[in-house]
Structures are given as structure tokens and as C-alpha cells.
Amino acid sequence: MKEVKSMEELIKLKLKEIEEKENIKILHCVESGSRAWGFASP
């Protein structure tokens, strides 16, 4: 896997990997936990 500069970039690479290996199309992908709720710890 190529060098990534951010967690968001890593996540998007993971999504491409999932699509290729599982033969699927991802329709929608989000953050669902404390980061999306707005109270994440560092």
C-alpha cells in the first residue's frame, strides 16, 4: 500500500481495497461514532 498522509486518505484506500477484493460497489461510507457525534478524544 502506498504511503498515506492522513487517516482519511488511508480509509479511502481501504474502501478501494474492499471493493476490489469483495467485488462490490460501496454506495455510501461515513464515520459513525464519537468523531461523527462531535465528542472524540484525541
ModelCIF file with pLDDT and N, C-alpha, C, O atoms, coordinates in Angstrom:
data_MODEL
#
_entry.id   MODEL 
#
_entity.id                         1 
_entity.type                       polymer 
_entity.pdbx_number_of_molecules   1 
#
_entity_poly.entity_id                      1 
_entity_poly.type                           'polypeptide(L)' 
_entity_poly.nstd_linkage                   no 
_entity_poly.nstd_monomer                   no 
_entity_poly.pdbx_seq_one_letter_code       MKEVKSMEELIKLKLKEIEEKENIKILHCVESGSRAWGFASP 
_entity_poly.pdbx_seq_one_letter_code_can   MKEVKSMEELIKLKLKEIEEKENIKILHCVESGSRAWGFASP 
_entity_poly.pdbx_strand_id                 A 
#
loop_
_entity_poly_seq.entity_id 
_entity_poly_seq.num 
_entity_poly_seq.mon_id 
_entity_poly_seq.hetero 
1 1  MET n 
1 2  LYS n 
1 3  GLU n 
1 4  VAL n 
1 5  LYS n 
1 6  SER n 
1 7  MET n 
1 8  GLU n 
1 9  GLU n 
1 10 LEU n 
1 11 ILE n 
1 12 LYS n 
1 13 LEU n 
1 14 LYS n 
1 15 LEU n 
1 16 LYS n 
1 17 GLU n 
1 18 ILE n 
1 19 GLU n 
1 20 GLU n 
1 21 LYS n 
1 22 GLU n 
1 23 ASN n 
1 24 ILE n 
1 25 LYS n 
1 26 ILE n 
1 27 LEU n 
1 28 HIS n 
1 29 CYS n 
1 30 VAL n 
1 31 GLU n 
1 32 SER n 
1 33 GLY n 
1 34 SER n 
1 35 ARG n 
1 36 ALA n 
1 37 TRP n 
1 38 GLY n 
1 39 PHE n 
1 40 ALA n 
1 41 SER n 
1 42 PRO n 
#
_struct_asym.id          A 
_struct_asym.entity_id   1 
#
loop_
_ma_qa_metric.id 
_ma_qa_metric.mode 
_ma_qa_metric.name 
_ma_qa_metric.software_group_id 
_ma_qa_metric.type 
1 global pLDDT . pLDDT 
2 local  pLDDT . pLDDT 
#
_ma_qa_metric_global.metric_id      1 
_ma_qa_metric_global.metric_value   91.26 
_ma_qa_metric_global.model_id       1 
_ma_qa_metric_global.ordinal_id     1 
#
loop_
_ma_qa_metric_local.label_asym_id 
_ma_qa_metric_local.label_comp_id 
_ma_qa_metric_local.label_seq_id 
_ma_qa_metric_local.metric_id 
_ma_qa_metric_local.metric_value 
_ma_qa_metric_local.model_id 
_ma_qa_metric_local.ordinal_id 
A MET 1  2 45.00 1 1  
A LYS 2  2 52.00 1 2  
A GLU 3  2 56.00 1 3  
A VAL 4  2 60.00 1 4  
A LYS 5  2 70.00 1 5  
A SER 6  2 92.00 1 6  
A MET 7  2 94.00 1 7  
A GLU 8  2 95.00 1 8  
A GLU 9  2 95.00 1 9  
A LEU 10 2 96.00 1 10 
A ILE 11 2 97.00 1 11 
A LYS 12 2 96.00 1 12 
A LEU 13 2 96.00 1 13 
A LYS 14 2 97.00 1 14 
A LEU 15 2 97.00 1 15 
A LYS 16 2 97.00 1 16 
A GLU 17 2 97.00 1 17 
A ILE 18 2 98.00 1 18 
A GLU 19 2 98.00 1 19 
A GLU 20 2 98.00 1 20 
A LYS 21 2 97.00 1 21 
A GLU 22 2 96.00 1 22 
A ASN 23 2 96.00 1 23 
A ILE 24 2 97.00 1 24 
A LYS 25 2 98.00 1 25 
A ILE 26 2 98.00 1 26 
A LEU 27 2 98.00 1 27 
A HIS 28 2 98.00 1 28 
A CYS 29 2 98.00 1 29 
A VAL 30 2 98.00 1 30 
A GLU 31 2 98.00 1 31 
A SER 32 2 96.00 1 32 
A GLY 33 2 93.00 1 33 
A SER 34 2 95.00 1 34 
A ARG 35 2 96.00 1 35 
A ALA 36 2 97.00 1 36 
A TRP 37 2 97.00 1 37 
A GLY 38 2 96.00 1 38 
A PHE 39 2 94.00 1 39 
A ALA 40 2 93.00 1 40 
A SER 41 2 90.00 1 41 
A PRO 42 2 88.00 1 42 
#
loop_
_atom_site.group_PDB 
_atom_site.id 
_atom_site.type_symbol 
_atom_site.label_atom_id 
_atom_site.label_alt_id 
_atom_site.label_comp_id 
_atom_site.label_asym_id 
_atom_site.label_entity_id 
_atom_site.label_seq_id 
_atom_site.pdbx_PDB_ins_code 
_atom_site.Cartn_x 
_atom_site.Cartn_y 
_atom_site.Cartn_z 
_atom_site.occupancy 
_atom_site.B_iso_or_equiv 
_atom_site.pdbx_formal_charge 
_atom_site.auth_seq_id 
_atom_site.auth_comp_id 
_atom_site.auth_asym_id 
_atom_site.auth_atom_id 
_atom_site.pdbx_PDB_model_num 
ATOM 1   N N  . MET A 1 1  ? 0.846   -1.197 0.000  1.00 45.00 ? 1  MET A N  1 
ATOM 2   C CA . MET A 1 1  ? 0.000   0.000  0.000  1.00 45.00 ? 1  MET A CA 1 
ATOM 3   C C  . MET A 1 1  ? 0.881   1.246  0.000  1.00 45.00 ? 1  MET A C  1 
ATOM 4   O O  . MET A 1 1  ? 1.858   1.318  0.744  1.00 45.00 ? 1  MET A O  1 
ATOM 5   N N  . LYS A 1 2  ? 0.533   2.231  -0.839 1.00 52.00 ? 2  LYS A N  1 
ATOM 6   C CA . LYS A 1 2  ? 1.368   3.424  -0.938 1.00 52.00 ? 2  LYS A CA 1 
ATOM 7   C C  . LYS A 1 2  ? 1.319   4.229  0.353  1.00 52.00 ? 2  LYS A C  1 
ATOM 8   O O  . LYS A 1 2  ? 0.418   4.079  1.178  1.00 52.00 ? 2  LYS A O  1 
ATOM 9   N N  . GLU A 1 3  ? 2.330   5.094  0.496  1.00 56.00 ? 3  GLU A N  1 
ATOM 10  C CA . GLU A 1 3  ? 2.389   5.943  1.699  1.00 56.00 ? 3  GLU A CA 1 
ATOM 11  C C  . GLU A 1 3  ? 1.187   6.892  1.718  1.00 56.00 ? 3  GLU A C  1 
ATOM 12  O O  . GLU A 1 3  ? 0.828   7.476  0.696  1.00 56.00 ? 3  GLU A O  1 
ATOM 13  N N  . VAL A 1 4  ? 0.576   7.036  2.890  1.00 60.00 ? 4  VAL A N  1 
ATOM 14  C CA . VAL A 1 4  ? -0.569  7.934  3.016  1.00 60.00 ? 4  VAL A CA 1 
ATOM 15  C C  . VAL A 1 4  ? -0.237  9.052  3.983  1.00 60.00 ? 4  VAL A C  1 
ATOM 16  O O  . VAL A 1 4  ? 0.587   8.887  4.883  1.00 60.00 ? 4  VAL A O  1 
ATOM 17  N N  . LYS A 1 5  ? -0.888  10.200 3.791  1.00 70.00 ? 5  LYS A N  1 
ATOM 18  C CA . LYS A 1 5  ? -0.580  11.384 4.592  1.00 70.00 ? 5  LYS A CA 1 
ATOM 19  C C  . LYS A 1 5  ? -1.623  11.669 5.657  1.00 70.00 ? 5  LYS A C  1 
ATOM 20  O O  . LYS A 1 5  ? -1.381  12.482 6.549  1.00 70.00 ? 5  LYS A O  1 
ATOM 21  N N  . SER A 1 6  ? -2.767  11.025 5.586  1.00 92.00 ? 6  SER A N  1 
ATOM 22  C CA . SER A 1 6  ? -3.818  11.289 6.557  1.00 92.00 ? 6  SER A CA 1 
ATOM 23  C C  . SER A 1 6  ? -4.655  10.046 6.769  1.00 92.00 ? 6  SER A C  1 
ATOM 24  O O  . SER A 1 6  ? -4.642  9.129  5.947  1.00 92.00 ? 6  SER A O  1 
ATOM 25  N N  . MET A 1 7  ? -5.389  10.018 7.883  1.00 94.00 ? 7  MET A N  1 
ATOM 26  C CA . MET A 1 7  ? -6.276  8.892  8.153  1.00 94.00 ? 7  MET A CA 1 
ATOM 27  C C  . MET A 1 7  ? -7.393  8.834  7.119  1.00 94.00 ? 7  MET A C  1 
ATOM 28  O O  . MET A 1 7  ? -7.803  7.743  6.720  1.00 94.00 ? 7  MET A O  1 
ATOM 29  N N  . GLU A 1 8  ? -7.888  9.971  6.681  1.00 95.00 ? 8  GLU A N  1 
ATOM 30  C CA . GLU A 1 8  ? -8.944  9.981  5.668  1.00 95.00 ? 8  GLU A CA 1 
ATOM 31  C C  . GLU A 1 8  ? -8.461  9.330  4.375  1.00 95.00 ? 8  GLU A C  1 
ATOM 32  O O  . GLU A 1 8  ? -9.199  8.574  3.743  1.00 95.00 ? 8  GLU A O  1 
ATOM 33  N N  . GLU A 1 9  ? -7.227  9.624  3.986  1.00 95.00 ? 9  GLU A N  1 
ATOM 34  C CA . GLU A 1 9  ? -6.671  9.022  2.771  1.00 95.00 ? 9  GLU A CA 1 
ATOM 35  C C  . GLU A 1 9  ? -6.521  7.508  2.949  1.00 95.00 ? 9  GLU A C  1 
ATOM 36  O O  . GLU A 1 9  ? -6.791  6.740  2.025  1.00 95.00 ? 9  GLU A O  1 
ATOM 37  N N  . LEU A 1 10 ? -6.089  7.085  4.137  1.00 96.00 ? 10 LEU A N  1 
ATOM 38  C CA . LEU A 1 10 ? -5.954  5.656  4.414  1.00 96.00 ? 10 LEU A CA 1 
ATOM 39  C C  . LEU A 1 10 ? -7.312  4.958  4.327  1.00 96.00 ? 10 LEU A C  1 
ATOM 40  O O  . LEU A 1 10 ? -7.428  3.883  3.739  1.00 96.00 ? 10 LEU A O  1 
ATOM 41  N N  . ILE A 1 11 ? -8.327  5.570  4.911  1.00 97.00 ? 11 ILE A N  1 
ATOM 42  C CA . ILE A 1 11 ? -9.671  4.985  4.885  1.00 97.00 ? 11 ILE A CA 1 
ATOM 43  C C  . ILE A 1 11 ? -10.162 4.843  3.442  1.00 97.00 ? 11 ILE A C  1 
ATOM 44  O O  . ILE A 1 11 ? -10.743 3.816  3.090  1.00 97.00 ? 11 ILE A O  1 
ATOM 45  N N  . LYS A 1 12 ? -9.940  5.845  2.617  1.00 96.00 ? 12 LYS A N  1 
ATOM 46  C CA . LYS A 1 12 ? -10.383 5.780  1.219  1.00 96.00 ? 12 LYS A CA 1 
ATOM 47  C C  . LYS A 1 12 ? -9.640  4.696  0.453  1.00 96.00 ? 12 LYS A C  1 
ATOM 48  O O  . LYS A 1 12 ? -10.216 4.062  -0.431 1.00 96.00 ? 12 LYS A O  1 
ATOM 49  N N  . LEU A 1 13 ? -8.376  4.476  0.776  1.00 96.00 ? 13 LEU A N  1 
ATOM 50  C CA . LEU A 1 13 ? -7.632  3.373  0.164  1.00 96.00 ? 13 LEU A CA 1 
ATOM 51  C C  . LEU A 1 13 ? -8.199  2.026  0.609  1.00 96.00 ? 13 LEU A C  1 
ATOM 52  O O  . LEU A 1 13 ? -8.299  1.090  -0.184 1.00 96.00 ? 13 LEU A O  1 
ATOM 53  N N  . LYS A 1 14 ? -8.566  1.942  1.879  1.00 97.00 ? 14 LYS A N  1 
ATOM 54  C CA . LYS A 1 14 ? -9.178  0.709  2.393  1.00 97.00 ? 14 LYS A CA 1 
ATOM 55  C C  . LYS A 1 14 ? -10.487 0.415  1.666  1.00 97.00 ? 14 LYS A C  1 
ATOM 56  O O  . LYS A 1 14 ? -10.783 -0.741 1.364  1.00 97.00 ? 14 LYS A O  1 
ATOM 57  N N  . LEU A 1 15 ? -11.271 1.454  1.384  1.00 97.00 ? 15 LEU A N  1 
ATOM 58  C CA . LEU A 1 15 ? -12.546 1.267  0.692  1.00 97.00 ? 15 LEU A CA 1 
ATOM 59  C C  . LEU A 1 15 ? -12.324 0.711  -0.717 1.00 97.00 ? 15 LEU A C  1 
ATOM 60  O O  . LEU A 1 15 ? -13.071 -0.160 -1.164 1.00 97.00 ? 15 LEU A O  1 
ATOM 61  N N  . LYS A 1 16 ? -11.308 1.209  -1.410 1.00 97.00 ? 16 LYS A N  1 
ATOM 62  C CA . LYS A 1 16 ? -10.992 0.687  -2.747 1.00 97.00 ? 16 LYS A CA 1 
ATOM 63  C C  . LYS A 1 16 ? -10.562 -0.774 -2.661 1.00 97.00 ? 16 LYS A C  1 
ATOM 64  O O  . LYS A 1 16 ? -10.919 -1.589 -3.512 1.00 97.00 ? 16 LYS A O  1 
ATOM 65  N N  . GLU A 1 17 ? -9.806  -1.087 -1.641 1.00 97.00 ? 17 GLU A N  1 
ATOM 66  C CA . GLU A 1 17 ? -9.346  -2.456 -1.432 1.00 97.00 ? 17 GLU A CA 1 
ATOM 67  C C  . GLU A 1 17 ? -10.541 -3.389 -1.190 1.00 97.00 ? 17 GLU A C  1 
ATOM 68  O O  . GLU A 1 17 ? -10.599 -4.492 -1.733 1.00 97.00 ? 17 GLU A O  1 
ATOM 69  N N  . ILE A 1 18 ? -11.482 -2.933 -0.375 1.00 98.00 ? 18 ILE A N  1 
ATOM 70  C CA . ILE A 1 18 ? -12.680 -3.741 -0.090 1.00 98.00 ? 18 ILE A CA 1 
ATOM 71  C C  . ILE A 1 18 ? -13.474 -3.969 -1.373 1.00 98.00 ? 18 ILE A C  1 
ATOM 72  O O  . ILE A 1 18 ? -13.910 -5.088 -1.646 1.00 98.00 ? 18 ILE A O  1 
ATOM 73  N N  . GLU A 1 19 ? -13.660 -2.918 -2.153 1.00 98.00 ? 19 GLU A N  1 
ATOM 74  C CA . GLU A 1 19 ? -14.426 -3.042 -3.399 1.00 98.00 ? 19 GLU A CA 1 
ATOM 75  C C  . GLU A 1 19 ? -13.795 -4.067 -4.341 1.00 98.00 ? 19 GLU A C  1 
ATOM 76  O O  . GLU A 1 19 ? -14.489 -4.891 -4.936 1.00 98.00 ? 19 GLU A O  1 
ATOM 77  N N  . GLU A 1 20 ? -12.482 -4.001 -4.464 1.00 98.00 ? 20 GLU A N  1 
ATOM 78  C CA . GLU A 1 20 ? -11.785 -4.900 -5.383 1.00 98.00 ? 20 GLU A CA 1 
ATOM 79  C C  . GLU A 1 20 ? -11.827 -6.343 -4.896 1.00 98.00 ? 20 GLU A C  1 
ATOM 80  O O  . GLU A 1 20 ? -12.103 -7.252 -5.678 1.00 98.00 ? 20 GLU A O  1 
ATOM 81  N N  . LYS A 1 21 ? -11.560 -6.559 -3.624 1.00 97.00 ? 21 LYS A N  1 
ATOM 82  C CA . LYS A 1 21 ? -11.458 -7.929 -3.115 1.00 97.00 ? 21 LYS A CA 1 
ATOM 83  C C  . LYS A 1 21 ? -12.814 -8.583 -2.898 1.00 97.00 ? 21 LYS A C  1 
ATOM 84  O O  . LYS A 1 21 ? -12.928 -9.806 -2.981 1.00 97.00 ? 21 LYS A O  1 
ATOM 85  N N  . GLU A 1 22 ? -13.837 -7.792 -2.623 1.00 96.00 ? 22 GLU A N  1 
ATOM 86  C CA . GLU A 1 22 ? -15.170 -8.338 -2.366 1.00 96.00 ? 22 GLU A CA 1 
ATOM 87  C C  . GLU A 1 22 ? -16.083 -8.270 -3.592 1.00 96.00 ? 22 GLU A C  1 
ATOM 88  O O  . GLU A 1 22 ? -17.200 -8.786 -3.562 1.00 96.00 ? 22 GLU A O  1 
ATOM 89  N N  . ASN A 1 23 ? -15.612 -7.639 -4.669 1.00 96.00 ? 23 ASN A N  1 
ATOM 90  C CA . ASN A 1 23 ? -16.419 -7.459 -5.887 1.00 96.00 ? 23 ASN A CA 1 
ATOM 91  C C  . ASN A 1 23 ? -17.741 -6.772 -5.567 1.00 96.00 ? 23 ASN A C  1 
ATOM 92  O O  . ASN A 1 23 ? -18.814 -7.287 -5.880 1.00 96.00 ? 23 ASN A O  1 
ATOM 93  N N  . ILE A 1 24 ? -17.649 -5.614 -4.945 1.00 97.00 ? 24 ILE A N  1 
ATOM 94  C CA . ILE A 1 24 ? -18.827 -4.836 -4.567 1.00 97.00 ? 24 ILE A CA 1 
ATOM 95  C C  . ILE A 1 24 ? -18.632 -3.389 -5.011 1.00 97.00 ? 24 ILE A C  1 
ATOM 96  O O  . ILE A 1 24 ? -17.543 -2.986 -5.419 1.00 97.00 ? 24 ILE A O  1 
ATOM 97  N N  . LYS A 1 25 ? -19.713 -2.620 -4.920 1.00 98.00 ? 25 LYS A N  1 
ATOM 98  C CA . LYS A 1 25 ? -19.611 -1.162 -5.046 1.00 98.00 ? 25 LYS A CA 1 
ATOM 99  C C  . LYS A 1 25 ? -20.105 -0.548 -3.752 1.00 98.00 ? 25 LYS A C  1 
ATOM 100 O O  . LYS A 1 25 ? -21.214 -0.841 -3.307 1.00 98.00 ? 25 LYS A O  1 
ATOM 101 N N  . ILE A 1 26 ? -19.295 0.296  -3.148 1.00 98.00 ? 26 ILE A N  1 
ATOM 102 C CA . ILE A 1 26 ? -19.696 0.998  -1.930 1.00 98.00 ? 26 ILE A CA 1 
ATOM 103 C C  . ILE A 1 26 ? -20.519 2.215  -2.337 1.00 98.00 ? 26 ILE A C  1 
ATOM 104 O O  . ILE A 1 26 ? -20.055 3.076  -3.085 1.00 98.00 ? 26 ILE A O  1 
ATOM 105 N N  . LEU A 1 27 ? -21.743 2.270  -1.832 1.00 98.00 ? 27 LEU A N  1 
ATOM 106 C CA . LEU A 1 27 ? -22.667 3.348  -2.188 1.00 98.00 ? 27 LEU A CA 1 
ATOM 107 C C  . LEU A 1 27 ? -22.521 4.558  -1.269 1.00 98.00 ? 27 LEU A C  1 
ATOM 108 O O  . LEU A 1 27 ? -22.696 5.700  -1.695 1.00 98.00 ? 27 LEU A O  1 
ATOM 109 N N  . HIS A 1 28 ? -22.202 4.297  -0.013 1.00 98.00 ? 28 HIS A N  1 
ATOM 110 C CA . HIS A 1 28 ? -22.148 5.382  0.978  1.00 98.00 ? 28 HIS A CA 1 
ATOM 111 C C  . HIS A 1 28 ? -21.275 4.918  2.125  1.00 98.00 ? 28 HIS A C  1 
ATOM 112 O O  . HIS A 1 28 ? -21.416 3.791  2.600  1.00 98.00 ? 28 HIS A O  1 
ATOM 113 N N  . CYS A 1 29 ? -20.371 5.780  2.576  1.00 98.00 ? 29 CYS A N  1 
ATOM 114 C CA . CYS A 1 29 ? -19.476 5.409  3.675  1.00 98.00 ? 29 CYS A CA 1 
ATOM 115 C C  . CYS A 1 29 ? -19.247 6.621  4.565  1.00 98.00 ? 29 CYS A C  1 
ATOM 116 O O  . CYS A 1 29 ? -18.934 7.710  4.083  1.00 98.00 ? 29 CYS A O  1 
ATOM 117 N N  . VAL A 1 30 ? -19.406 6.423  5.864  1.00 98.00 ? 30 VAL A N  1 
ATOM 118 C CA . VAL A 1 30 ? -19.352 7.549  6.803  1.00 98.00 ? 30 VAL A CA 1 
ATOM 119 C C  . VAL A 1 30 ? -18.620 7.158  8.084  1.00 98.00 ? 30 VAL A C  1 
ATOM 120 O O  . VAL A 1 30 ? -18.317 5.989  8.322  1.00 98.00 ? 30 VAL A O  1 
ATOM 121 N N  . GLU A 1 31 ? -18.352 8.155  8.883  1.00 98.00 ? 31 GLU A N  1 
ATOM 122 C CA . GLU A 1 31 ? -17.935 7.965  10.278 1.00 98.00 ? 31 GLU A CA 1 
ATOM 123 C C  . GLU A 1 31 ? -19.208 7.863  11.120 1.00 98.00 ? 31 GLU A C  1 
ATOM 124 O O  . GLU A 1 31 ? -20.157 8.622  10.925 1.00 98.00 ? 31 GLU A O  1 
ATOM 125 N N  . SER A 1 32 ? -19.214 6.914  12.058 1.00 96.00 ? 32 SER A N  1 
ATOM 126 C CA . SER A 1 32 ? -20.470 6.678  12.777 1.00 96.00 ? 32 SER A CA 1 
ATOM 127 C C  . SER A 1 32 ? -20.372 6.832  14.292 1.00 96.00 ? 32 SER A C  1 
ATOM 128 O O  . SER A 1 32 ? -21.404 6.807  14.962 1.00 96.00 ? 32 SER A O  1 
ATOM 129 N N  . GLY A 1 33 ? -19.192 6.987  14.854 1.00 93.00 ? 33 GLY A N  1 
ATOM 130 C CA . GLY A 1 33 ? -19.047 7.003  16.303 1.00 93.00 ? 33 GLY A CA 1 
ATOM 131 C C  . GLY A 1 33 ? -18.802 8.382  16.877 1.00 93.00 ? 33 GLY A C  1 
ATOM 132 O O  . GLY A 1 33 ? -19.376 9.371  16.421 1.00 93.00 ? 33 GLY A O  1 
ATOM 133 N N  . SER A 1 34 ? -17.941 8.439  17.885 1.00 95.00 ? 34 SER A N  1 
ATOM 134 C CA . SER A 1 34 ? -17.745 9.682  18.632 1.00 95.00 ? 34 SER A CA 1 
ATOM 135 C C  . SER A 1 34 ? -17.228 10.820 17.763 1.00 95.00 ? 34 SER A C  1 
ATOM 136 O O  . SER A 1 34 ? -17.507 11.986 18.041 1.00 95.00 ? 34 SER A O  1 
ATOM 137 N N  . ARG A 1 35 ? -16.475 10.493 16.712 1.00 96.00 ? 35 ARG A N  1 
ATOM 138 C CA . ARG A 1 35 ? -15.989 11.558 15.824 1.00 96.00 ? 35 ARG A CA 1 
ATOM 139 C C  . ARG A 1 35 ? -17.156 12.215 15.080 1.00 96.00 ? 35 ARG A C  1 
ATOM 140 O O  . ARG A 1 35 ? -17.165 13.432 14.891 1.00 96.00 ? 35 ARG A O  1 
ATOM 141 N N  . ALA A 1 36 ? -18.128 11.421 14.663 1.00 97.00 ? 36 ALA A N  1 
ATOM 142 C CA . ALA A 1 36 ? -19.306 11.980 13.980 1.00 97.00 ? 36 ALA A CA 1 
ATOM 143 C C  . ALA A 1 36 ? -20.249 12.669 14.960 1.00 97.00 ? 36 ALA A C  1 
ATOM 144 O O  . ALA A 1 36 ? -20.949 13.614 14.597 1.00 97.00 ? 36 ALA A O  1 
ATOM 145 N N  . TRP A 1 37 ? -20.265 12.189 16.214 1.00 97.00 ? 37 TRP A N  1 
ATOM 146 C CA . TRP A 1 37 ? -21.113 12.812 17.231 1.00 97.00 ? 37 TRP A CA 1 
ATOM 147 C C  . TRP A 1 37 ? -20.508 14.111 17.767 1.00 97.00 ? 37 TRP A C  1 
ATOM 148 O O  . TRP A 1 37 ? -21.198 14.900 18.412 1.00 97.00 ? 37 TRP A O  1 
ATOM 149 N N  . GLY A 1 38 ? -19.215 14.333 17.497 1.00 96.00 ? 38 GLY A N  1 
ATOM 150 C CA . GLY A 1 38 ? -18.577 15.589 17.877 1.00 96.00 ? 38 GLY A CA 1 
ATOM 151 C C  . GLY A 1 38 ? -17.999 15.608 19.268 1.00 96.00 ? 38 GLY A C  1 
ATOM 152 O O  . GLY A 1 38 ? -17.838 16.683 19.846 1.00 96.00 ? 38 GLY A O  1 
ATOM 153 N N  . PHE A 1 39 ? -17.672 14.431 19.841 1.00 94.00 ? 39 PHE A N  1 
ATOM 154 C CA . PHE A 1 39 ? -17.009 14.447 21.152 1.00 94.00 ? 39 PHE A CA 1 
ATOM 155 C C  . PHE A 1 39 ? -15.875 13.421 21.222 1.00 94.00 ? 39 PHE A C  1 
ATOM 156 O O  . PHE A 1 39 ? -15.695 12.750 22.238 1.00 94.00 ? 39 PHE A O  1 
ATOM 157 N N  . ALA A 1 40 ? -15.117 13.308 20.135 1.00 93.00 ? 40 ALA A N  1 
ATOM 158 C CA . ALA A 1 40 ? -14.000 12.361 20.108 1.00 93.00 ? 40 ALA A CA 1 
ATOM 159 C C  . ALA A 1 40 ? -12.855 12.830 20.991 1.00 93.00 ? 40 ALA A C  1 
ATOM 160 O O  . ALA A 1 40 ? -12.586 14.027 21.100 1.00 93.00 ? 40 ALA A O  1 
ATOM 161 N N  . SER A 1 41 ? -12.191 11.881 21.614 1.00 90.00 ? 41 SER A N  1 
ATOM 162 C CA . SER A 1 41 ? -10.927 12.145 22.287 1.00 90.00 ? 41 SER A CA 1 
ATOM 163 C C  . SER A 1 41 ? -9.825  12.140 21.234 1.00 90.00 ? 41 SER A C  1 
ATOM 164 O O  . SER A 1 41 ? -10.032 11.636 20.130 1.00 90.00 ? 41 SER A O  1 
ATOM 165 N N  . PRO A 1 42 ? -8.646  12.701 21.562 1.00 88.00 ? 42 PRO A N  1 
ATOM 166 C CA . PRO A 1 42 ? -7.553  12.701 20.580 1.00 88.00 ? 42 PRO A CA 1 
ATOM 167 C C  . PRO A 1 42 ? -7.186  11.297 20.098 1.00 88.00 ? 42 PRO A C  1 
ATOM 168 O O  . PRO A 1 42 ? -6.286  11.144 19.273 1.00 88.00 ? 42 PRO A O  1 
#
